[in-house]
Amino acid sequence: MTGSIAAIGAGLAAIGAGVGIGKIGSSAMEGIARQPEAASKIQTAMLIAAAFVEAVALFAVVVALIAN
């Protein structure tokens, strides 16, 4: 039973990361469309934020699998 709960937790972490990165990407594209001259700054901030989201999602997956 605990194995399936860990799998559900890992899946939820992956879904959350996908939603978070999608939101970051869409907001960055909207910002670049509004201010094309700030594209490099927006892109840098977007990549850093996406890296943090991925790190938190990876941590959540590891915790879900270790809690097994």
N, C-alpha and C. Protein backbone atom coordinates (compact mmCIF):
# COMPACT_ATOMS: atom_id res chain seq x y z
N MET A 1 0.82 -1.20 0.00
CA MET A 1 0.00 0.00 0.00
C MET A 1 0.86 1.26 0.00
N THR A 2 1.94 1.25 0.78
CA THR A 2 2.76 2.46 0.86
C THR A 2 3.48 2.74 -0.46
N GLY A 3 3.78 1.69 -1.23
CA GLY A 3 4.42 1.90 -2.53
C GLY A 3 3.53 2.67 -3.49
N SER A 4 2.25 2.37 -3.47
CA SER A 4 1.33 3.07 -4.37
C SER A 4 1.11 4.51 -3.91
N ILE A 5 1.15 4.74 -2.61
CA ILE A 5 1.02 6.11 -2.11
C ILE A 5 2.24 6.93 -2.50
N ALA A 6 3.42 6.32 -2.44
CA ALA A 6 4.65 7.01 -2.85
C ALA A 6 4.60 7.33 -4.34
N ALA A 7 4.07 6.42 -5.13
CA ALA A 7 3.95 6.66 -6.57
C ALA A 7 2.98 7.80 -6.86
N ILE A 8 1.91 7.86 -6.12
CA ILE A 8 0.95 8.96 -6.28
C ILE A 8 1.61 10.28 -5.91
N GLY A 9 2.37 10.29 -4.82
CA GLY A 9 3.08 11.51 -4.42
C GLY A 9 4.09 11.95 -5.46
N ALA A 10 4.83 11.00 -6.03
CA ALA A 10 5.81 11.33 -7.07
C ALA A 10 5.10 11.86 -8.31
N GLY A 11 3.98 11.27 -8.65
CA GLY A 11 3.22 11.75 -9.80
C GLY A 11 2.66 13.14 -9.60
N LEU A 12 2.18 13.42 -8.41
CA LEU A 12 1.67 14.76 -8.11
C LEU A 12 2.79 15.80 -8.16
N ALA A 13 3.98 15.41 -7.70
CA ALA A 13 5.12 16.32 -7.77
C ALA A 13 5.49 16.63 -9.22
N ALA A 14 5.44 15.61 -10.07
CA ALA A 14 5.75 15.81 -11.49
C ALA A 14 4.69 16.69 -12.16
N ILE A 15 3.44 16.47 -11.83
CA ILE A 15 2.37 17.30 -12.40
C ILE A 15 2.51 18.74 -11.93
N GLY A 16 2.82 18.92 -10.65
CA GLY A 16 3.02 20.28 -10.12
C GLY A 16 4.16 20.99 -10.80
N ALA A 17 5.25 20.27 -11.05
CA ALA A 17 6.38 20.88 -11.75
C ALA A 17 6.00 21.26 -13.17
N GLY A 18 5.26 20.41 -13.83
CA GLY A 18 4.82 20.73 -15.20
C GLY A 18 3.94 21.96 -15.25
N VAL A 19 3.03 22.06 -14.32
CA VAL A 19 2.15 23.24 -14.26
C VAL A 19 2.96 24.49 -13.94
N GLY A 20 3.89 24.37 -12.99
CA GLY A 20 4.71 25.52 -12.60
C GLY A 20 5.58 26.02 -13.74
N ILE A 21 6.23 25.10 -14.45
CA ILE A 21 7.09 25.50 -15.56
C ILE A 21 6.26 26.05 -16.71
N GLY A 22 5.08 25.49 -16.92
CA GLY A 22 4.20 26.03 -17.95
C GLY A 22 3.77 27.45 -17.65
N LYS A 23 3.45 27.71 -16.40
CA LYS A 23 3.07 29.08 -15.98
C LYS A 23 4.24 30.04 -16.13
N ILE A 24 5.44 29.60 -15.74
CA ILE A 24 6.63 30.45 -15.89
C ILE A 24 6.87 30.76 -17.35
N GLY A 25 6.78 29.74 -18.20
CA GLY A 25 7.02 29.95 -19.63
C GLY A 25 6.00 30.87 -20.27
N SER A 26 4.73 30.69 -19.92
CA SER A 26 3.71 31.54 -20.53
C SER A 26 3.83 32.99 -20.07
N SER A 27 4.16 33.17 -18.79
CA SER A 27 4.34 34.53 -18.29
C SER A 27 5.56 35.20 -18.91
N ALA A 28 6.62 34.42 -19.12
CA ALA A 28 7.82 34.97 -19.75
C ALA A 28 7.53 35.38 -21.20
N MET A 29 6.80 34.55 -21.92
CA MET A 29 6.46 34.88 -23.31
C MET A 29 5.58 36.13 -23.38
N GLU A 30 4.66 36.24 -22.43
CA GLU A 30 3.81 37.43 -22.39
C GLU A 30 4.65 38.68 -22.08
N GLY A 31 5.59 38.55 -21.15
CA GLY A 31 6.46 39.68 -20.82
C GLY A 31 7.35 40.08 -21.99
N ILE A 32 7.87 39.09 -22.70
CA ILE A 32 8.71 39.40 -23.86
C ILE A 32 7.88 40.04 -24.96
N ALA A 33 6.64 39.61 -25.11
CA ALA A 33 5.78 40.21 -26.13
C ALA A 33 5.46 41.67 -25.79
N ARG A 34 5.35 41.96 -24.51
CA ARG A 34 5.06 43.33 -24.10
C ARG A 34 6.29 44.24 -24.15
N GLN A 35 7.45 43.69 -23.81
CA GLN A 35 8.69 44.46 -23.81
C GLN A 35 9.81 43.65 -24.46
N PRO A 36 9.90 43.66 -25.77
CA PRO A 36 10.92 42.86 -26.45
C PRO A 36 12.35 43.25 -26.10
N GLU A 37 12.56 44.49 -25.72
CA GLU A 37 13.92 44.93 -25.39
C GLU A 37 14.42 44.32 -24.08
N ALA A 38 13.53 43.81 -23.26
CA ALA A 38 13.91 43.19 -21.98
C ALA A 38 13.95 41.67 -22.08
N ALA A 39 14.01 41.14 -23.29
CA ALA A 39 13.94 39.69 -23.48
C ALA A 39 15.06 38.94 -22.77
N SER A 40 16.27 39.47 -22.81
CA SER A 40 17.38 38.73 -22.19
C SER A 40 17.23 38.67 -20.67
N LYS A 41 16.79 39.75 -20.06
CA LYS A 41 16.59 39.75 -18.60
C LYS A 41 15.44 38.83 -18.21
N ILE A 42 14.38 38.86 -18.99
CA ILE A 42 13.23 37.99 -18.71
C ILE A 42 13.61 36.53 -18.88
N GLN A 43 14.38 36.24 -19.93
CA GLN A 43 14.78 34.86 -20.18
C GLN A 43 15.67 34.33 -19.05
N THR A 44 16.58 35.16 -18.58
CA THR A 44 17.45 34.75 -17.48
C THR A 44 16.64 34.45 -16.23
N ALA A 45 15.72 35.34 -15.90
CA ALA A 45 14.88 35.13 -14.71
C ALA A 45 14.00 33.89 -14.88
N MET A 46 13.51 33.67 -16.10
CA MET A 46 12.67 32.51 -16.36
C MET A 46 13.45 31.22 -16.15
N LEU A 47 14.68 31.16 -16.64
CA LEU A 47 15.48 29.95 -16.50
C LEU A 47 15.82 29.66 -15.04
N ILE A 48 16.12 30.70 -14.28
CA ILE A 48 16.42 30.51 -12.86
C ILE A 48 15.19 30.02 -12.11
N ALA A 49 14.04 30.62 -12.39
CA ALA A 49 12.80 30.19 -11.73
C ALA A 49 12.44 28.76 -12.11
N ALA A 50 12.63 28.40 -13.38
CA ALA A 50 12.34 27.03 -13.82
C ALA A 50 13.27 26.03 -13.15
N ALA A 51 14.52 26.41 -12.95
CA ALA A 51 15.47 25.53 -12.27
C ALA A 51 15.04 25.31 -10.82
N PHE A 52 14.57 26.35 -10.15
CA PHE A 52 14.09 26.19 -8.78
C PHE A 52 12.87 25.29 -8.72
N VAL A 53 11.96 25.43 -9.67
CA VAL A 53 10.77 24.58 -9.69
C VAL A 53 11.17 23.12 -9.89
N GLU A 54 12.10 22.88 -10.82
CA GLU A 54 12.58 21.52 -11.06
C GLU A 54 13.26 20.95 -9.81
N ALA A 55 14.04 21.76 -9.13
CA ALA A 55 14.72 21.28 -7.93
C ALA A 55 13.73 20.89 -6.85
N VAL A 56 12.71 21.71 -6.65
CA VAL A 56 11.70 21.39 -5.64
C VAL A 56 10.92 20.14 -6.03
N ALA A 57 10.62 19.99 -7.31
CA ALA A 57 9.89 18.81 -7.77
C ALA A 57 10.74 17.55 -7.60
N LEU A 58 12.02 17.64 -7.92
CA LEU A 58 12.90 16.49 -7.74
C LEU A 58 13.00 16.12 -6.25
N PHE A 59 13.10 17.12 -5.41
CA PHE A 59 13.14 16.88 -3.96
C PHE A 59 11.85 16.20 -3.50
N ALA A 60 10.72 16.64 -4.02
CA ALA A 60 9.44 16.04 -3.64
C ALA A 60 9.35 14.58 -4.10
N VAL A 61 9.85 14.30 -5.29
CA VAL A 61 9.83 12.91 -5.77
C VAL A 61 10.72 12.04 -4.90
N VAL A 62 11.90 12.53 -4.57
CA VAL A 62 12.82 11.75 -3.73
C VAL A 62 12.20 11.51 -2.35
N VAL A 63 11.60 12.52 -1.76
CA VAL A 63 10.96 12.35 -0.45
C VAL A 63 9.81 11.35 -0.54
N ALA A 64 9.03 11.43 -1.61
CA ALA A 64 7.91 10.49 -1.76
C ALA A 64 8.41 9.06 -1.90
N LEU A 65 9.51 8.87 -2.60
CA LEU A 65 10.01 7.52 -2.79
C LEU A 65 10.76 7.00 -1.56
N ILE A 66 11.41 7.88 -0.82
CA ILE A 66 12.11 7.46 0.40
C ILE A 66 11.09 7.13 1.50
N ALA A 67 9.99 7.83 1.53
CA ALA A 67 8.97 7.61 2.56
C ALA A 67 8.30 6.26 2.39
N ASN A 68 8.64 5.58 1.34
CA ASN A 68 8.07 4.26 1.08
C ASN A 68 8.42 3.35 2.16
